[in-house]
Amino acid sequence: MSGLAALSIDLDALRHYHRIHGLPDPPAGAGPDPVYAKATARFGELCARLGVRGTVFAVGEELADPAAAAAVRALARGGHEIANHTFSHDYALTRLPADALAAEVARGAAAIAAAVGTPPCGFRAPGYTLTAPLLAALAAQGYRYDSSAFPAAPYWLAKAAVMGLLALRGRPSRAILDRPRVLAAPRAPYRPDPAEPYRPGPATAGAAPGLLELPITTGLLGFPLIGTFVATLPPGLLRAARAGTSRLPLFNLELHGVDLLDASDTRPELSARQRDLRAPASRKLAAIEAFARSLGRSWRPLAEVPAALGVQG
């Protein structure tokens, strides 16, 4: 095998997708969120078929639901890493005052530790957005890695266009557009500069001690090689889009819970706007599995990547 690979999933509840599309939240009492009720089990089954241990980025407040906590505990018992995706998945996390930002990270970690018995050592920001204060909070709280940098130009441009269109239609998205600086972030793991997370720190200073940035993998011209596209695009197009990634020491394949769901699992108003939900979940899972197998890499949870790369904390 050549190089390392990591498979991760962000457990963003479906109400966050409603907010992205400017829709009202699902009604209270609508039942368990399908991301935790269905997608978590499908992720575990996918990893079992691949013979890999993955990384699960859980949202702390969701774990107050006993069923959601049980689903995440089941993944932890299966050998999967449980990492922090904040407490409330606030897209405006990086716009919060430093103390509130740090509290979001700490509360998320506390909820995960209470649910699975082990505190997280890895973090991913809502909407992939990094800033110096967030990096400082992670370093102060002892995180070994962050996996938020996503230098995907097509994704960034499409997100900007969609957010602009929604604003013109009078139903603005609650998502946040990251700074253009992210597009120049390294594609390989790096030690971030404390003043600019999307830039490697000085080699001698070590930037943020103990903290390694593990960027989400992008392909040709920054094509976003994430679950949404891996699950729905033709294999030939994906092969072309991943040109050059074989030289990367880590292929960081990120999924979202919604990638493992379809219209039968969600509300009609969401599936009308989230096009990938129109594809059957079984077909999407098969496509993700085939893509993962085609990489020909050695798979690790993200927590094990720094040591596997020979990077000391």
Protein backbone atom coordinates (compact mmCIF):
# COMPACT_ATOMS: atom_id res chain seq x y z
CA MET A 1 0.00 0.00 0.00
CA SER A 2 1.10 3.60 -0.62
CA GLY A 3 0.55 6.28 2.00
CA LEU A 4 -2.06 6.69 4.71
CA ALA A 5 -5.79 7.26 4.52
CA ALA A 6 -8.41 8.24 7.10
CA LEU A 7 -12.19 7.95 6.88
CA SER A 8 -14.19 10.38 9.01
CA ILE A 9 -17.81 11.41 9.38
CA ASP A 10 -19.32 14.63 10.72
CA LEU A 11 -22.55 13.95 12.61
CA ASP A 12 -24.33 17.20 11.78
CA ALA A 13 -28.02 16.82 12.65
CA LEU A 14 -30.45 17.50 9.82
CA ARG A 15 -31.62 20.77 11.32
CA HIS A 16 -28.22 22.22 10.38
CA TYR A 17 -28.97 21.43 6.73
CA HIS A 18 -32.34 23.14 7.10
CA ARG A 19 -30.43 26.21 8.32
CA ILE A 20 -27.95 26.05 5.43
CA HIS A 21 -30.86 26.16 2.99
CA GLY A 22 -32.72 28.87 4.89
CA LEU A 23 -35.49 26.47 5.97
CA PRO A 24 -37.21 26.36 9.37
CA ASP A 25 -35.91 23.73 11.78
CA PRO A 26 -37.73 20.37 11.69
CA PRO A 27 -40.73 20.46 14.05
CA ALA A 28 -40.17 19.47 17.66
CA GLY A 29 -41.23 15.92 18.38
CA ALA A 30 -40.48 14.77 14.83
CA GLY A 31 -38.61 11.76 16.20
CA PRO A 32 -34.94 10.83 16.43
CA ASP A 33 -32.64 12.63 14.05
CA PRO A 34 -31.85 10.25 11.15
CA VAL A 35 -28.15 11.15 11.29
CA TYR A 36 -27.91 9.45 14.69
CA ALA A 37 -30.78 6.98 14.23
CA LYS A 38 -29.58 5.61 10.86
CA ALA A 39 -26.38 7.13 9.47
CA THR A 40 -24.21 6.15 12.44
CA ALA A 41 -25.06 2.46 12.01
CA ARG A 42 -24.50 2.69 8.25
CA PHE A 43 -21.09 4.26 8.86
CA GLY A 44 -20.16 1.41 11.21
CA GLU A 45 -21.28 -1.14 8.62
CA LEU A 46 -19.30 0.63 5.89
CA CYS A 47 -16.15 0.62 8.01
CA ALA A 48 -16.67 -3.08 8.84
CA ARG A 49 -16.88 -3.97 5.14
CA LEU A 50 -13.72 -1.97 4.45
CA GLY A 51 -11.95 -3.36 7.51
CA VAL A 52 -11.08 0.11 8.80
CA ARG A 53 -11.49 2.10 12.01
CA GLY A 54 -12.85 5.57 11.34
CA THR A 55 -13.15 8.91 13.12
CA VAL A 56 -16.53 10.25 14.21
CA PHE A 57 -16.92 14.01 14.79
CA ALA A 58 -19.81 14.26 17.25
CA VAL A 59 -21.77 17.37 18.25
CA GLY A 60 -21.94 17.59 22.03
CA GLU A 61 -25.50 18.78 22.52
CA GLU A 62 -26.88 15.94 20.39
CA LEU A 63 -25.54 13.47 22.95
CA ALA A 64 -28.12 14.63 25.48
CA ASP A 65 -30.49 12.34 23.55
CA PRO A 66 -29.92 8.86 25.05
CA ALA A 67 -30.46 7.20 21.66
CA ALA A 68 -27.86 9.44 19.99
CA ALA A 69 -25.38 8.84 22.80
CA ALA A 70 -25.95 5.08 22.53
CA ALA A 71 -25.31 5.18 18.78
CA VAL A 72 -22.01 7.01 19.26
CA ARG A 73 -21.00 4.67 22.12
CA ALA A 74 -21.61 1.71 19.81
CA LEU A 75 -19.14 3.18 17.31
CA ALA A 76 -16.61 3.80 20.08
CA ARG A 77 -16.95 0.17 21.23
CA GLY A 78 -16.28 -0.84 17.62
CA GLY A 79 -12.86 0.81 17.80
CA HIS A 80 -13.73 4.09 16.10
CA GLU A 81 -12.32 7.37 17.37
CA ILE A 82 -14.84 9.90 18.70
CA ALA A 83 -13.65 13.47 18.07
CA ASN A 84 -15.07 16.92 18.80
CA HIS A 85 -17.29 18.91 16.41
CA THR A 86 -18.13 21.54 19.10
CA PHE A 87 -21.07 21.59 21.49
CA SER A 88 -23.76 23.25 19.37
CA HIS A 89 -22.31 23.26 15.83
CA ASP A 90 -22.63 27.04 15.58
CA TYR A 91 -21.59 28.02 12.05
CA ALA A 92 -20.58 31.41 13.47
CA LEU A 93 -18.19 29.78 15.95
CA THR A 94 -15.19 31.81 14.80
CA ARG A 95 -17.14 35.07 15.22
CA LEU A 96 -17.70 34.43 18.93
CA PRO A 97 -15.61 36.16 21.63
CA ALA A 98 -12.55 34.11 22.57
CA ASP A 99 -14.00 32.91 25.89
CA ALA A 100 -17.29 31.81 24.30
CA LEU A 101 -15.41 30.10 21.50
CA ALA A 102 -13.23 28.20 23.97
CA ALA A 103 -16.33 27.21 25.94
CA GLU A 104 -17.96 25.75 22.81
CA VAL A 105 -14.92 23.53 22.33
CA ALA A 106 -14.69 22.56 26.01
CA ARG A 107 -18.42 21.80 26.37
CA GLY A 108 -18.33 19.62 23.27
CA ALA A 109 -15.41 17.67 24.70
CA ALA A 110 -17.13 17.26 28.07
CA ALA A 111 -20.29 15.89 26.44
CA ILE A 112 -18.26 13.40 24.41
CA ALA A 113 -16.27 12.27 27.45
CA ALA A 114 -19.50 11.78 29.40
CA ALA A 115 -21.02 9.74 26.57
CA VAL A 116 -18.12 7.47 25.65
CA GLY A 117 -15.77 7.68 28.65
CA THR A 118 -12.81 9.16 26.79
CA PRO A 119 -12.09 12.84 26.04
CA PRO A 120 -11.43 13.68 22.38
CA CYS A 121 -7.98 14.57 21.08
CA GLY A 122 -9.12 15.80 17.65
CA PHE A 123 -11.33 18.63 16.44
CA ARG A 124 -13.16 19.76 13.32
CA ALA A 125 -14.81 23.18 13.05
CA PRO A 126 -18.38 23.67 11.81
CA GLY A 127 -18.22 24.80 8.20
CA TYR A 128 -14.46 24.05 8.14
CA THR A 129 -13.65 27.59 9.31
CA LEU A 130 -10.41 28.22 11.23
CA THR A 131 -9.07 31.38 12.88
CA ALA A 132 -6.16 32.20 15.16
CA PRO A 133 -8.36 32.39 18.33
CA LEU A 134 -9.81 28.95 17.58
CA LEU A 135 -6.35 27.52 17.01
CA ALA A 136 -5.24 29.04 20.32
CA ALA A 137 -8.21 27.46 22.14
CA LEU A 138 -7.39 24.04 20.69
CA ALA A 139 -3.72 24.32 21.65
CA ALA A 140 -4.62 25.50 25.17
CA GLN A 141 -7.01 22.56 25.63
CA GLY A 142 -4.39 20.03 24.57
CA TYR A 143 -5.69 18.84 21.22
CA ARG A 144 -3.27 16.73 19.19
CA TYR A 145 -4.76 17.55 15.81
CA ASP A 146 -7.31 19.65 13.97
CA SER A 147 -8.91 18.56 10.70
CA SER A 148 -10.75 21.63 9.39
CA ALA A 149 -8.64 23.13 6.59
CA PHE A 150 -10.45 22.55 3.29
CA PRO A 151 -8.68 24.34 0.40
CA ALA A 152 -11.38 23.53 -2.18
CA ALA A 153 -11.79 26.42 -4.62
CA PRO A 154 -14.84 24.99 -6.50
CA TYR A 155 -16.60 24.31 -3.20
CA TRP A 156 -15.80 27.81 -1.86
CA LEU A 157 -17.04 29.51 -5.03
CA ALA A 158 -20.21 27.42 -5.20
CA LYS A 159 -20.96 28.10 -1.53
CA ALA A 160 -20.52 31.84 -2.08
CA ALA A 161 -22.89 31.74 -5.05
CA VAL A 162 -25.57 29.73 -3.23
CA MET A 163 -25.41 31.93 -0.14
CA GLY A 164 -25.76 35.02 -2.32
CA LEU A 165 -28.74 33.56 -4.17
CA LEU A 166 -30.49 32.60 -0.92
CA ALA A 167 -29.95 36.10 0.44
CA LEU A 168 -31.51 37.59 -2.71
CA ARG A 169 -34.51 35.29 -2.27
CA GLY A 170 -35.04 36.54 1.28
CA ARG A 171 -34.13 33.33 3.10
CA PRO A 172 -30.45 33.77 3.98
CA SER A 173 -28.34 30.77 4.86
CA ARG A 174 -26.96 30.51 8.38
CA ALA A 175 -23.72 29.10 7.02
CA ILE A 176 -20.55 31.20 7.10
CA LEU A 177 -18.25 31.72 4.11
CA ASP A 178 -14.64 31.19 5.12
CA ARG A 179 -11.88 33.67 4.30
CA PRO A 180 -10.39 33.29 0.80
CA ARG A 181 -7.05 32.64 2.53
CA VAL A 182 -8.16 29.04 3.07
CA LEU A 183 -7.67 28.36 -0.64
CA ALA A 184 -3.91 28.74 -0.19
CA ALA A 185 -3.71 26.31 2.74
CA PRO A 186 -1.38 23.31 2.32
CA ARG A 187 -2.94 20.05 1.16
CA ALA A 188 -0.56 17.88 3.21
CA PRO A 189 -0.44 17.75 7.04
CA TYR A 190 1.35 20.72 8.59
CA ARG A 191 2.01 22.56 11.84
CA PRO A 192 -0.11 25.72 11.63
CA ASP A 193 1.18 29.22 12.31
CA PRO A 194 -0.60 30.52 15.45
CA ALA A 195 -1.27 33.84 13.71
CA GLU A 196 -2.65 32.27 10.51
CA PRO A 197 -4.01 28.70 10.70
CA TYR A 198 -3.93 28.29 6.92
CA ARG A 199 -0.16 28.83 6.81
CA PRO A 200 2.58 26.53 8.12
CA GLY A 201 4.39 27.92 11.12
CA PRO A 202 8.14 28.49 11.26
CA ALA A 203 9.92 25.13 11.24
CA THR A 204 12.01 26.03 14.26
CA ALA A 205 9.19 27.55 16.33
CA GLY A 206 6.80 24.66 15.80
CA ALA A 207 3.81 27.06 15.60
CA ALA A 208 1.19 25.43 17.84
CA PRO A 209 3.08 22.81 19.92
CA GLY A 210 1.41 19.42 19.88
CA LEU A 211 -1.19 20.46 17.28
CA LEU A 212 -1.07 19.14 13.73
CA GLU A 213 -3.42 20.27 10.96
CA LEU A 214 -4.77 17.38 8.87
CA PRO A 215 -6.42 19.03 5.84
CA ILE A 216 -9.42 17.43 4.17
CA THR A 217 -8.21 16.11 0.84
CA THR A 218 -8.92 17.98 -2.37
CA GLY A 219 -8.04 16.92 -5.88
CA LEU A 220 -7.30 18.50 -9.24
CA LEU A 221 -7.72 22.30 -9.11
CA GLY A 222 -8.97 21.97 -5.55
CA PHE A 223 -11.85 19.63 -6.40
CA PRO A 224 -13.63 18.65 -3.15
CA LEU A 225 -13.14 14.89 -2.73
CA ILE A 226 -15.68 14.59 0.09
CA GLY A 227 -18.58 12.21 0.59
CA THR A 228 -21.20 14.25 -1.25
CA PHE A 229 -19.25 14.06 -4.51
CA VAL A 230 -17.70 10.63 -4.04
CA ALA A 231 -21.20 9.22 -3.48
CA THR A 232 -22.87 10.80 -6.50
CA LEU A 233 -20.38 11.50 -9.31
CA PRO A 234 -19.38 8.99 -12.04
CA PRO A 235 -16.26 6.94 -11.20
CA GLY A 236 -14.42 8.20 -14.28
CA LEU A 237 -14.85 11.81 -13.23
CA LEU A 238 -13.66 11.00 -9.71
CA ARG A 239 -10.55 9.28 -11.08
CA ALA A 240 -9.71 12.41 -13.06
CA ALA A 241 -10.48 14.69 -10.12
CA ARG A 242 -8.16 12.86 -7.76
CA ALA A 243 -5.14 13.31 -10.08
CA GLY A 244 -2.06 14.16 -8.04
CA THR A 245 -3.41 12.96 -4.70
CA SER A 246 -1.22 9.85 -4.80
CA ARG A 247 1.71 12.08 -3.79
CA LEU A 248 -0.01 13.22 -0.59
CA PRO A 249 1.11 11.43 2.59
CA LEU A 250 -2.51 11.35 3.81
CA PHE A 251 -5.81 10.98 1.96
CA ASN A 252 -8.31 12.45 4.41
CA LEU A 253 -11.74 11.33 3.17
CA GLU A 254 -14.54 13.19 4.95
CA LEU A 255 -18.19 12.18 4.98
CA HIS A 256 -21.26 13.74 6.56
CA GLY A 257 -24.12 11.81 8.09
CA VAL A 258 -26.41 13.10 5.32
CA ASP A 259 -24.20 11.32 2.75
CA LEU A 260 -25.49 8.02 4.12
CA LEU A 261 -29.17 9.02 4.00
CA ASP A 262 -31.73 9.49 1.23
CA ALA A 263 -35.10 11.16 0.73
CA SER A 264 -36.92 8.35 2.54
CA ASP A 265 -34.97 9.23 5.70
CA THR A 266 -35.60 12.99 5.61
CA ARG A 267 -38.31 15.62 5.27
CA PRO A 268 -39.53 16.52 1.74
CA GLU A 269 -38.60 20.20 2.05
CA LEU A 270 -34.96 19.25 2.66
CA SER A 271 -34.67 16.59 -0.05
CA ALA A 272 -36.16 19.10 -2.52
CA ARG A 273 -33.12 21.34 -1.97
CA GLN A 274 -30.38 18.83 -1.06
CA ARG A 275 -29.96 17.08 -4.40
CA ASP A 276 -27.76 14.24 -3.15
CA LEU A 277 -30.64 13.01 -0.97
CA ARG A 278 -32.45 11.97 -4.14
CA ALA A 279 -29.95 9.14 -4.71
CA PRO A 280 -30.67 5.91 -2.80
CA ALA A 281 -28.52 5.53 0.31
CA SER A 282 -27.53 2.00 -0.74
CA ARG A 283 -26.13 3.32 -4.03
CA LYS A 284 -24.21 6.10 -2.27
CA LEU A 285 -22.72 3.70 0.25
CA ALA A 286 -21.60 1.38 -2.54
CA ALA A 287 -19.95 4.28 -4.38
CA ILE A 288 -18.12 5.45 -1.24
CA GLU A 289 -16.94 1.91 -0.53
CA ALA A 290 -15.66 1.44 -4.10
CA PHE A 291 -13.81 4.78 -4.00
CA ALA A 292 -12.20 3.99 -0.64
CA ARG A 293 -11.03 0.59 -1.88
CA SER A 294 -9.55 2.16 -5.00
CA LEU A 295 -7.19 4.34 -2.97
CA GLY A 296 -4.93 1.42 -2.03
CA ARG A 297 -3.75 3.00 1.23
CA SER A 298 -3.28 2.02 4.85
CA TRP A 299 -6.25 3.27 6.87
CA ARG A 300 -5.98 4.80 10.34
CA PRO A 301 -8.24 6.85 12.63
CA LEU A 302 -7.13 10.47 12.49
CA ALA A 303 -5.80 10.26 16.07
CA GLU A 304 -3.19 7.74 14.89
CA VAL A 305 -2.07 9.72 11.84
CA PRO A 306 0.47 12.03 13.56
CA ALA A 307 2.42 9.09 14.99
CA ALA A 308 2.14 7.16 11.73
CA LEU A 309 3.63 10.16 9.93
CA GLY A 310 6.44 10.31 12.48
CA VAL A 311 5.26 13.63 13.92
CA GLN A 312 5.89 14.02 17.63
CA GLY A 313 3.42 15.91 19.85
